[in-house]
Amino acid sequence: TAIGRAWLRADGREAHALECVAAARALLGNGTPTLALFQVEAQALFRTEQAERAAEVAAAASDTELPADPDELDRWLNLRCVWAQAIHKVGNVETAIEILETVPEHAGKGRAAKALLSGTLGRLLWHAGRVRDAAAAMARAGAAGSGLSALDRARMLNNGGLAHFLSGQRLQALELWEDALLLFERLEAPLEQIRVSTNLC
């Protein structure tokens, strides 16, 4: 299907993905696009520096009730991230933060999509100067059971540790860095181990 082709070509071939999205929309006629189609379109628009249009598409898809289906919920959460990042891109970080902070806490708990949303929120909070809040968001993203891979968890914890350190919370920073180092050691990632060890010195 056109939607399937869009998914396959979205990474690195955004213009082609948008062509596939247009074809899928034509086939749908007056029908409502799926979240999968909205997701491909919003991501492709954002990657091609069309932030305002990406925000419009992502908002139309995710400014709705939470889907009950787990896979659809993952797409919904991803669209919220694209929406927030696009809004930040056009210069409104506070609105971008609000888009993510209004997602219910229980939505997607334990799924990677929710952890990535928390990590995105952390980055936006950092840009807004709310470094302590950023540290908390990144710590949530990197926590055990968040749904992320061990490598992504370790990176989130390392960044969260730095945010804690910069906001004067040195004990919390050390805790996150120690957890990150342990994960990097288990993953046998020597370069990452060196970076975290430098933070701990």
Protein backbone atom coordinates (compact mmCIF):
# COMPACT_ATOMS: atom_id res chain seq x y z
CA THR A 1 0.00 0.00 0.00
CA ALA A 2 1.00 3.64 -0.28
CA ILE A 3 1.16 3.85 3.51
CA GLY A 4 3.56 0.91 3.63
CA ARG A 5 5.80 2.45 0.99
CA ALA A 6 5.84 5.70 2.95
CA TRP A 7 7.00 3.88 6.07
CA LEU A 8 9.80 2.15 4.18
CA ARG A 9 11.07 5.32 2.57
CA ALA A 10 10.60 7.83 5.35
CA ASP A 11 14.17 7.52 6.62
CA GLY A 12 16.44 9.49 4.28
CA ARG A 13 13.93 9.77 1.46
CA GLU A 14 11.47 12.23 2.93
CA ALA A 15 10.40 13.76 -0.40
CA HIS A 16 9.44 10.33 -1.70
CA ALA A 17 7.65 9.57 1.57
CA LEU A 18 5.56 12.72 1.15
CA GLU A 19 4.66 11.64 -2.37
CA CYS A 20 3.46 8.31 -0.99
CA VAL A 21 1.46 10.11 1.69
CA ALA A 22 -0.21 12.25 -0.97
CA ALA A 23 -1.08 9.09 -2.92
CA ALA A 24 -2.51 7.47 0.20
CA ARG A 25 -4.61 10.53 0.96
CA ALA A 26 -5.95 10.48 -2.61
CA LEU A 27 -6.97 6.85 -2.18
CA LEU A 28 -8.69 7.66 1.10
CA GLY A 29 -10.73 10.45 -0.43
CA ASN A 30 -12.89 11.85 2.36
CA GLY A 31 -11.83 9.10 4.75
CA THR A 32 -9.88 9.87 7.91
CA PRO A 33 -6.14 9.16 7.65
CA THR A 34 -4.68 6.64 10.08
CA LEU A 35 -2.24 7.63 12.80
CA ALA A 36 0.44 5.72 10.86
CA LEU A 37 -0.09 7.96 7.86
CA PHE A 38 -0.11 11.11 10.00
CA GLN A 39 3.11 9.95 11.65
CA VAL A 40 4.97 9.43 8.38
CA GLU A 41 3.75 12.77 7.04
CA ALA A 42 4.60 14.76 10.17
CA GLN A 43 8.07 13.23 10.50
CA ALA A 44 8.88 13.76 6.82
CA LEU A 45 7.74 17.37 6.96
CA PHE A 46 9.80 18.02 10.07
CA ARG A 47 12.92 16.45 8.55
CA THR A 48 12.55 18.61 5.44
CA GLU A 49 12.50 21.82 7.51
CA GLN A 50 8.74 22.33 7.14
CA ALA A 51 8.21 22.77 10.87
CA GLU A 52 4.98 24.77 10.74
CA ARG A 53 3.28 22.25 8.47
CA ALA A 54 4.66 19.37 10.55
CA ALA A 55 3.16 20.94 13.66
CA GLU A 56 -0.23 21.26 11.94
CA VAL A 57 -0.28 17.63 10.88
CA ALA A 58 0.94 16.29 14.23
CA ALA A 59 -1.51 18.46 16.15
CA ALA A 60 -4.44 17.32 14.03
CA ALA A 61 -3.57 13.70 14.78
CA SER A 62 -2.60 13.88 18.45
CA ASP A 63 -4.83 16.60 19.88
CA THR A 64 -7.35 13.84 20.49
CA GLU A 65 -8.28 11.23 23.06
CA LEU A 66 -5.72 8.57 23.90
CA PRO A 67 -5.97 5.47 21.69
CA ALA A 68 -6.68 2.22 23.52
CA ASP A 69 -4.54 0.08 21.22
CA PRO A 70 -0.88 0.01 22.42
CA ASP A 71 0.61 0.38 18.92
CA GLU A 72 -1.71 3.27 18.11
CA LEU A 73 -0.82 4.85 21.46
CA ASP A 74 2.88 4.64 20.53
CA ARG A 75 2.13 6.51 17.29
CA TRP A 76 0.06 9.07 19.20
CA LEU A 77 2.92 9.68 21.64
CA ASN A 78 5.40 9.96 18.77
CA LEU A 79 3.17 12.52 17.07
CA ARG A 80 3.07 14.54 20.28
CA CYS A 81 6.88 14.59 20.23
CA VAL A 82 6.97 15.72 16.60
CA TRP A 83 4.36 18.40 17.37
CA ALA A 84 6.37 19.71 20.31
CA GLN A 85 9.68 19.67 18.44
CA ALA A 86 8.14 21.46 15.47
CA ILE A 87 6.67 24.14 17.74
CA HIS A 88 10.07 24.55 19.38
CA LYS A 89 11.67 24.83 15.95
CA VAL A 90 9.50 27.84 15.11
CA GLY A 91 10.54 29.50 18.37
CA ASN A 92 7.94 28.68 21.02
CA VAL A 93 9.58 26.45 23.59
CA GLU A 94 7.02 27.09 26.33
CA THR A 95 4.14 25.88 24.14
CA ALA A 96 6.26 22.91 23.09
CA ILE A 97 6.78 21.98 26.75
CA GLU A 98 3.05 22.33 27.46
CA ILE A 99 2.22 19.91 24.61
CA LEU A 100 4.29 17.21 26.31
CA GLU A 101 3.50 18.05 29.92
CA THR A 102 -0.24 17.68 29.28
CA VAL A 103 0.15 14.05 28.24
CA PRO A 104 -1.37 11.97 31.09
CA GLU A 105 1.25 10.37 33.30
CA HIS A 106 -0.24 6.89 32.90
CA ALA A 107 -0.28 7.05 29.09
CA GLY A 108 2.18 4.54 27.66
CA LYS A 109 3.88 3.86 30.96
CA GLY A 110 6.62 1.28 30.47
CA ARG A 111 6.70 1.73 26.70
CA ALA A 112 9.64 3.14 24.76
CA ALA A 113 7.46 5.78 23.10
CA LYS A 114 6.61 7.28 26.50
CA ALA A 115 10.26 7.20 27.60
CA LEU A 116 11.28 8.99 24.41
CA LEU A 117 8.59 11.58 25.10
CA SER A 118 10.06 12.12 28.58
CA GLY A 119 13.53 12.48 27.06
CA THR A 120 12.24 15.00 24.53
CA LEU A 121 10.54 16.90 27.32
CA GLY A 122 13.84 16.95 29.21
CA ARG A 123 15.65 18.45 26.24
CA LEU A 124 13.00 21.15 25.81
CA LEU A 125 13.04 21.98 29.52
CA TRP A 126 16.83 22.35 29.30
CA HIS A 127 16.44 24.78 26.39
CA ALA A 128 13.95 26.75 28.49
CA GLY A 129 16.43 27.06 31.36
CA ARG A 130 14.52 24.64 33.61
CA VAL A 131 17.54 22.39 34.06
CA ARG A 132 16.39 20.76 37.30
CA ASP A 133 13.07 19.77 35.73
CA ALA A 134 15.01 18.55 32.69
CA ALA A 135 17.07 16.27 34.94
CA ALA A 136 13.93 14.73 36.43
CA ALA A 137 12.41 14.10 32.99
CA MET A 138 15.60 12.45 31.73
CA ALA A 139 15.85 10.33 34.86
CA ARG A 140 12.29 9.07 34.24
CA ALA A 141 13.20 8.25 30.65
CA GLY A 142 16.26 6.29 31.74
CA ALA A 143 14.69 4.47 34.66
CA ALA A 144 14.50 0.68 34.79
CA GLY A 145 11.28 -0.48 33.17
CA SER A 146 10.95 2.62 31.02
CA GLY A 147 10.89 0.54 27.85
CA LEU A 148 14.13 1.86 26.39
CA SER A 149 17.08 -0.31 25.45
CA ALA A 150 19.95 -0.50 27.93
CA LEU A 151 22.06 1.74 25.70
CA ASP A 152 19.39 4.42 25.40
CA ARG A 153 18.69 4.21 29.13
CA ALA A 154 22.38 4.73 29.90
CA ARG A 155 22.57 7.76 27.63
CA MET A 156 19.46 9.28 29.19
CA LEU A 157 20.87 8.73 32.66
CA ASN A 158 24.18 10.28 31.68
CA ASN A 159 22.42 13.38 30.33
CA GLY A 160 20.16 13.50 33.38
CA GLY A 161 23.22 13.36 35.60
CA LEU A 162 24.74 16.33 33.81
CA ALA A 163 21.50 18.29 34.21
CA HIS A 164 21.43 17.48 37.93
CA PHE A 165 25.06 18.57 38.24
CA LEU A 166 24.46 21.88 36.46
CA SER A 167 21.47 22.60 38.70
CA GLY A 168 23.55 22.04 41.83
CA GLN A 169 22.18 18.57 42.69
CA ARG A 170 25.47 16.76 42.91
CA LEU A 171 24.33 13.69 44.84
CA GLN A 172 21.54 13.03 42.34
CA ALA A 173 24.04 13.55 39.52
CA LEU A 174 26.40 10.96 41.00
CA GLU A 175 23.57 8.44 41.37
CA LEU A 176 22.55 8.74 37.73
CA TRP A 177 26.14 8.67 36.48
CA GLU A 178 26.88 5.54 38.52
CA ASP A 179 23.79 3.82 37.07
CA ALA A 180 24.80 4.91 33.57
CA LEU A 181 28.35 3.63 34.04
CA LEU A 182 27.07 0.26 35.22
CA LEU A 183 24.92 -0.08 32.11
CA PHE A 184 27.75 0.96 29.80
CA GLU A 185 30.04 -1.60 31.47
CA ARG A 186 27.47 -4.36 30.92
CA LEU A 187 27.19 -3.27 27.30
CA GLU A 188 30.97 -3.25 26.91
CA ALA A 189 30.94 0.30 25.58
CA PRO A 190 34.42 1.59 26.54
CA LEU A 191 34.13 5.05 25.00
CA GLU A 192 30.89 5.74 26.83
CA GLN A 193 32.43 4.39 30.03
CA ILE A 194 35.29 6.87 29.72
CA ARG A 195 32.88 9.76 29.23
CA VAL A 196 30.83 8.89 32.30
CA SER A 197 33.94 8.18 34.37
CA THR A 198 35.20 11.66 33.48
CA ASN A 199 31.97 13.10 34.87
CA LEU A 200 32.45 11.13 38.08
CA CYS A 201 36.01 12.45 38.66
